Amino acid sequence: MMIEQAVTYLTATLLIYYAAKWLYRKYPKVYLSPLLITPAVLVVVLLATHASYSDYNAGGEWLSKLLQPATVAFAVPLYKNLQTLKKHAGEIIASVLFGSLTAILSSAVLARLMHLDSELASSLVPRSVTTPIAMNVSQMIGGVPTITAVFVIITGLLGAMIGPSVVKLLRIEGDIAKGVLFGTSAHGTGTSKAFELNPLTGTISSISMILAALFTLLAAPALLSLLG
């Protein structure tokens, strides 16, 4: 029964995702993003069927386990644009480092202003990096990985929605700058949006996302202990 249940929920998740993806391709609006539609529909389904999260996760966890190898796959466009990356390595690293530190500090300040307890504050801090890294960082600093995953999705969707407006408002024209903006602030969702602009912007967003994850992994515990 357990195996059948796991297969059922896994299949349902995939069907809902591909239906949402088809809808997004037909109507490419950010609010119709599969990352927003899929979990919303799943919540409705689970509530309607009175199923618990643990029941659903018996199948859903297999998709979570695919996040790490999916992140490694970003190495392909990096290899194709290796010369461009070497040429602009200094400015990319400096920009991502500054952006990552800003994201960590702004999250910590926001948590204090909202009077969140330490567990929720620690869950919020790694919100600007890709999900598998964010969940690991959250666990390291005393947060709740599943809550962190929710913050990551919200951050990614908001970044993808606001990013194009920020690019226009600030008159950002360079592909390098656009890629750093999307990758550092909105991780995987932003990178997906960046690839819609052009392959180079998407590639820069990919490396920015990976660098942001590494910087956050190294800096978050130290910064939080200093802010204490």
Protein backbone atom coordinates (compact mmCIF):
# COMPACT_ATOMS: atom_id res chain seq x y z
CA MET A 1 0.00 0.00 0.00
CA MET A 2 2.86 2.34 0.85
CA ILE A 3 4.49 1.84 -2.54
CA GLU A 4 1.19 2.36 -4.35
CA GLN A 5 0.58 5.55 -2.38
CA ALA A 6 4.07 6.85 -3.16
CA VAL A 7 3.64 6.16 -6.88
CA THR A 8 0.21 7.80 -6.87
CA TYR A 9 1.43 11.05 -5.31
CA LEU A 10 4.57 11.11 -7.44
CA THR A 11 2.50 10.66 -10.61
CA ALA A 12 -0.02 13.29 -9.52
CA THR A 13 2.77 15.79 -8.88
CA LEU A 14 4.31 15.21 -12.30
CA LEU A 15 0.96 15.47 -14.09
CA ILE A 16 0.09 18.72 -12.33
CA TYR A 17 3.55 20.13 -13.06
CA TYR A 18 3.45 19.31 -16.77
CA ALA A 19 -0.08 20.69 -17.07
CA ALA A 20 1.10 23.91 -15.38
CA LYS A 21 4.14 24.02 -17.66
CA TRP A 22 1.91 23.69 -20.74
CA LEU A 23 -0.27 26.52 -19.43
CA TYR A 24 2.78 28.71 -18.79
CA ARG A 25 4.11 28.14 -22.30
CA LYS A 26 0.75 29.17 -23.74
CA TYR A 27 0.36 32.14 -21.40
CA PRO A 28 3.88 33.14 -20.21
CA LYS A 29 2.87 35.14 -17.15
CA VAL A 30 4.89 34.95 -13.95
CA TYR A 31 1.79 34.29 -11.83
CA LEU A 32 1.18 31.19 -13.97
CA SER A 33 4.65 29.81 -13.27
CA PRO A 34 4.67 26.03 -12.61
CA LEU A 35 6.55 26.76 -9.37
CA LEU A 36 3.50 28.67 -8.16
CA ILE A 37 0.67 26.70 -9.73
CA THR A 38 1.94 23.20 -8.89
CA PRO A 39 2.21 23.58 -5.09
CA ALA A 40 -1.07 25.55 -4.98
CA VAL A 41 -2.96 22.77 -6.77
CA LEU A 42 -1.26 20.10 -4.66
CA VAL A 43 -2.34 21.85 -1.46
CA VAL A 44 -5.94 21.91 -2.70
CA VAL A 45 -5.74 18.21 -3.62
CA LEU A 46 -4.28 17.21 -0.24
CA LEU A 47 -6.90 19.24 1.63
CA ALA A 48 -9.72 17.81 -0.48
CA THR A 49 -8.55 14.23 0.05
CA HIS A 50 -7.64 14.79 3.75
CA ALA A 51 -4.16 13.44 3.05
CA SER A 52 -1.28 14.29 5.38
CA TYR A 53 2.01 15.76 4.23
CA SER A 54 3.88 12.65 5.37
CA ASP A 55 1.63 10.53 3.13
CA TYR A 56 2.32 12.81 0.17
CA ASN A 57 6.04 13.00 0.88
CA ALA A 58 6.36 9.23 0.53
CA GLY A 59 6.35 9.90 -3.22
CA GLY A 60 7.20 13.58 -3.35
CA GLU A 61 10.56 13.13 -1.62
CA TRP A 62 11.93 11.44 -4.75
CA LEU A 63 11.56 14.72 -6.61
CA SER A 64 13.40 16.54 -3.82
CA LYS A 65 16.27 14.07 -4.15
CA LEU A 66 16.62 15.03 -7.82
CA LEU A 67 17.36 18.68 -6.94
CA GLN A 68 21.05 18.09 -6.30
CA PRO A 69 21.90 16.35 -9.60
CA ALA A 70 19.70 18.92 -11.38
CA THR A 71 21.83 21.70 -9.91
CA VAL A 72 25.00 19.97 -11.13
CA ALA A 73 23.55 20.00 -14.67
CA PHE A 74 24.07 23.78 -14.76
CA ALA A 75 27.74 22.97 -15.47
CA VAL A 76 26.88 22.39 -19.16
CA PRO A 77 26.17 26.04 -20.11
CA LEU A 78 29.08 27.13 -17.92
CA TYR A 79 31.47 25.03 -20.01
CA LYS A 80 30.07 26.43 -23.25
CA ASN A 81 30.72 30.02 -22.11
CA LEU A 82 33.97 29.38 -20.27
CA GLN A 83 35.96 32.15 -22.01
CA THR A 84 33.37 34.81 -21.19
CA LEU A 85 33.33 33.65 -17.58
CA LYS A 86 37.13 33.92 -17.35
CA LYS A 87 37.08 37.41 -18.83
CA HIS A 88 34.54 38.73 -16.32
CA ALA A 89 35.38 36.48 -13.35
CA GLY A 90 36.47 39.31 -11.06
CA GLU A 91 33.36 41.45 -11.39
CA ILE A 92 31.04 38.43 -11.21
CA ILE A 93 32.62 37.13 -7.99
CA ALA A 94 32.68 40.59 -6.36
CA SER A 95 29.07 41.33 -7.31
CA VAL A 96 27.75 37.96 -6.14
CA LEU A 97 29.67 38.19 -2.88
CA PHE A 98 28.21 41.63 -2.15
CA GLY A 99 24.73 40.46 -3.13
CA SER A 100 24.96 37.32 -0.98
CA LEU A 101 26.10 39.23 2.10
CA THR A 102 23.33 41.77 1.55
CA ALA A 103 20.74 38.99 1.30
CA ILE A 104 21.92 37.36 4.54
CA LEU A 105 22.07 40.63 6.49
CA SER A 106 18.75 41.94 5.16
CA SER A 107 17.08 38.64 6.09
CA ALA A 108 18.49 38.82 9.61
CA VAL A 109 17.37 42.44 10.01
CA LEU A 110 13.92 41.64 8.63
CA ALA A 111 13.57 38.75 11.06
CA ARG A 112 14.41 41.05 13.98
CA LEU A 113 11.99 43.74 12.83
CA MET A 114 9.23 41.13 12.60
CA HIS A 115 10.21 39.71 16.03
CA LEU A 116 10.58 36.19 14.65
CA ASP A 117 11.92 33.52 16.98
CA SER A 118 15.43 32.20 16.38
CA GLU A 119 14.22 29.08 14.55
CA LEU A 120 12.14 31.05 12.01
CA ALA A 121 14.90 33.67 11.66
CA SER A 122 17.44 30.95 10.84
CA SER A 123 14.99 29.46 8.35
CA LEU A 124 14.65 32.83 6.59
CA VAL A 125 18.35 33.70 6.26
CA PRO A 126 19.31 31.33 3.37
CA ARG A 127 16.20 32.22 1.30
CA SER A 128 18.18 33.62 -1.66
CA VAL A 129 20.04 30.46 -2.68
CA THR A 130 19.01 27.29 -4.47
CA THR A 131 16.81 24.92 -2.47
CA PRO A 132 19.17 21.99 -1.66
CA ILE A 133 21.91 24.36 -0.42
CA ALA A 134 19.41 26.56 1.40
CA MET A 135 17.96 23.58 3.26
CA ASN A 136 21.44 22.41 4.28
CA VAL A 137 22.40 25.89 5.51
CA SER A 138 19.11 26.15 7.39
CA GLN A 139 19.80 22.89 9.19
CA MET A 140 23.35 24.00 10.03
CA ILE A 141 22.24 27.27 11.66
CA GLY A 142 19.24 25.89 13.54
CA GLY A 143 16.42 26.56 11.08
CA VAL A 144 13.68 24.32 9.71
CA PRO A 145 14.63 23.11 6.20
CA THR A 146 11.03 22.66 5.01
CA ILE A 147 10.14 26.22 6.04
CA THR A 148 13.30 27.44 4.32
CA ALA A 149 12.17 25.71 1.12
CA VAL A 150 8.95 27.75 1.23
CA PHE A 151 10.92 31.00 1.70
CA VAL A 152 13.17 30.01 -1.22
CA ILE A 153 10.19 29.50 -3.54
CA ILE A 154 8.62 32.80 -2.50
CA THR A 155 11.93 34.64 -3.01
CA GLY A 156 12.45 33.06 -6.43
CA LEU A 157 8.96 33.92 -7.65
CA LEU A 158 9.16 37.49 -6.39
CA GLY A 159 12.60 37.87 -7.95
CA ALA A 160 11.36 36.61 -11.31
CA MET A 161 8.37 38.95 -11.13
CA ILE A 162 10.23 42.07 -10.00
CA GLY A 163 13.53 41.42 -11.82
CA PRO A 164 12.47 42.55 -15.33
CA SER A 165 11.02 45.78 -13.87
CA VAL A 166 14.26 46.43 -11.96
CA VAL A 167 16.26 45.88 -15.16
CA LYS A 168 14.12 48.44 -17.00
CA LEU A 169 14.04 50.92 -14.11
CA LEU A 170 17.81 50.89 -13.63
CA ARG A 171 18.44 50.64 -17.40
CA ILE A 172 20.63 47.57 -17.04
CA GLU A 173 21.67 46.56 -20.55
CA GLY A 174 24.64 44.21 -20.11
CA ASP A 175 24.04 40.46 -20.19
CA ILE A 176 26.60 39.96 -17.41
CA ALA A 177 24.84 42.39 -15.07
CA LYS A 178 21.40 40.93 -15.81
CA GLY A 179 22.65 37.40 -15.17
CA VAL A 180 24.22 38.35 -11.83
CA LEU A 181 21.01 40.12 -10.82
CA PHE A 182 18.74 37.15 -11.51
CA GLY A 183 21.08 34.43 -10.28
CA THR A 184 22.07 36.10 -7.02
CA SER A 185 18.63 37.31 -6.00
CA ALA A 186 16.28 34.66 -7.37
CA HIS A 187 18.41 31.46 -7.73
CA GLY A 188 16.86 28.74 -9.95
CA THR A 189 13.64 30.60 -10.77
CA GLY A 190 15.61 33.70 -11.69
CA THR A 191 17.98 31.62 -13.79
CA SER A 192 15.03 30.17 -15.69
CA LYS A 193 13.84 33.72 -16.35
CA ALA A 194 17.37 34.75 -17.39
CA PHE A 195 17.53 31.96 -19.99
CA GLU A 196 14.33 33.40 -21.48
CA LEU A 197 16.29 36.58 -22.23
CA ASN A 198 19.28 34.89 -23.90
CA PRO A 199 21.70 31.98 -23.31
CA LEU A 200 24.57 34.16 -22.03
CA THR A 201 22.40 35.87 -19.41
CA GLY A 202 21.16 32.47 -18.31
CA THR A 203 24.70 31.13 -18.07
CA ILE A 204 25.89 34.06 -15.96
CA SER A 205 22.82 33.61 -13.78
CA SER A 206 23.75 29.94 -13.35
CA ILE A 207 27.26 30.67 -12.12
CA SER A 208 25.95 33.50 -9.93
CA MET A 209 23.44 31.14 -8.35
CA ILE A 210 26.17 28.57 -7.61
CA LEU A 211 28.54 31.20 -6.21
CA ALA A 212 25.78 32.69 -4.07
CA ALA A 213 25.09 29.23 -2.65
CA LEU A 214 28.77 28.72 -1.78
CA PHE A 215 29.16 32.17 -0.23
CA THR A 216 25.99 31.72 1.82
CA LEU A 217 27.09 28.27 2.96
CA LEU A 218 30.37 29.74 4.22
CA ALA A 219 29.20 33.13 5.48
CA ALA A 220 25.75 32.57 7.01
CA PRO A 221 26.85 30.71 10.18
CA ALA A 222 29.63 33.24 10.88
CA LEU A 223 27.46 36.31 10.28
CA LEU A 224 24.61 34.97 12.42
CA SER A 225 26.97 34.24 15.29
CA LEU A 226 28.31 37.82 15.08
CA LEU A 227 24.81 39.29 14.99
CA GLY A 228 23.93 36.93 17.84
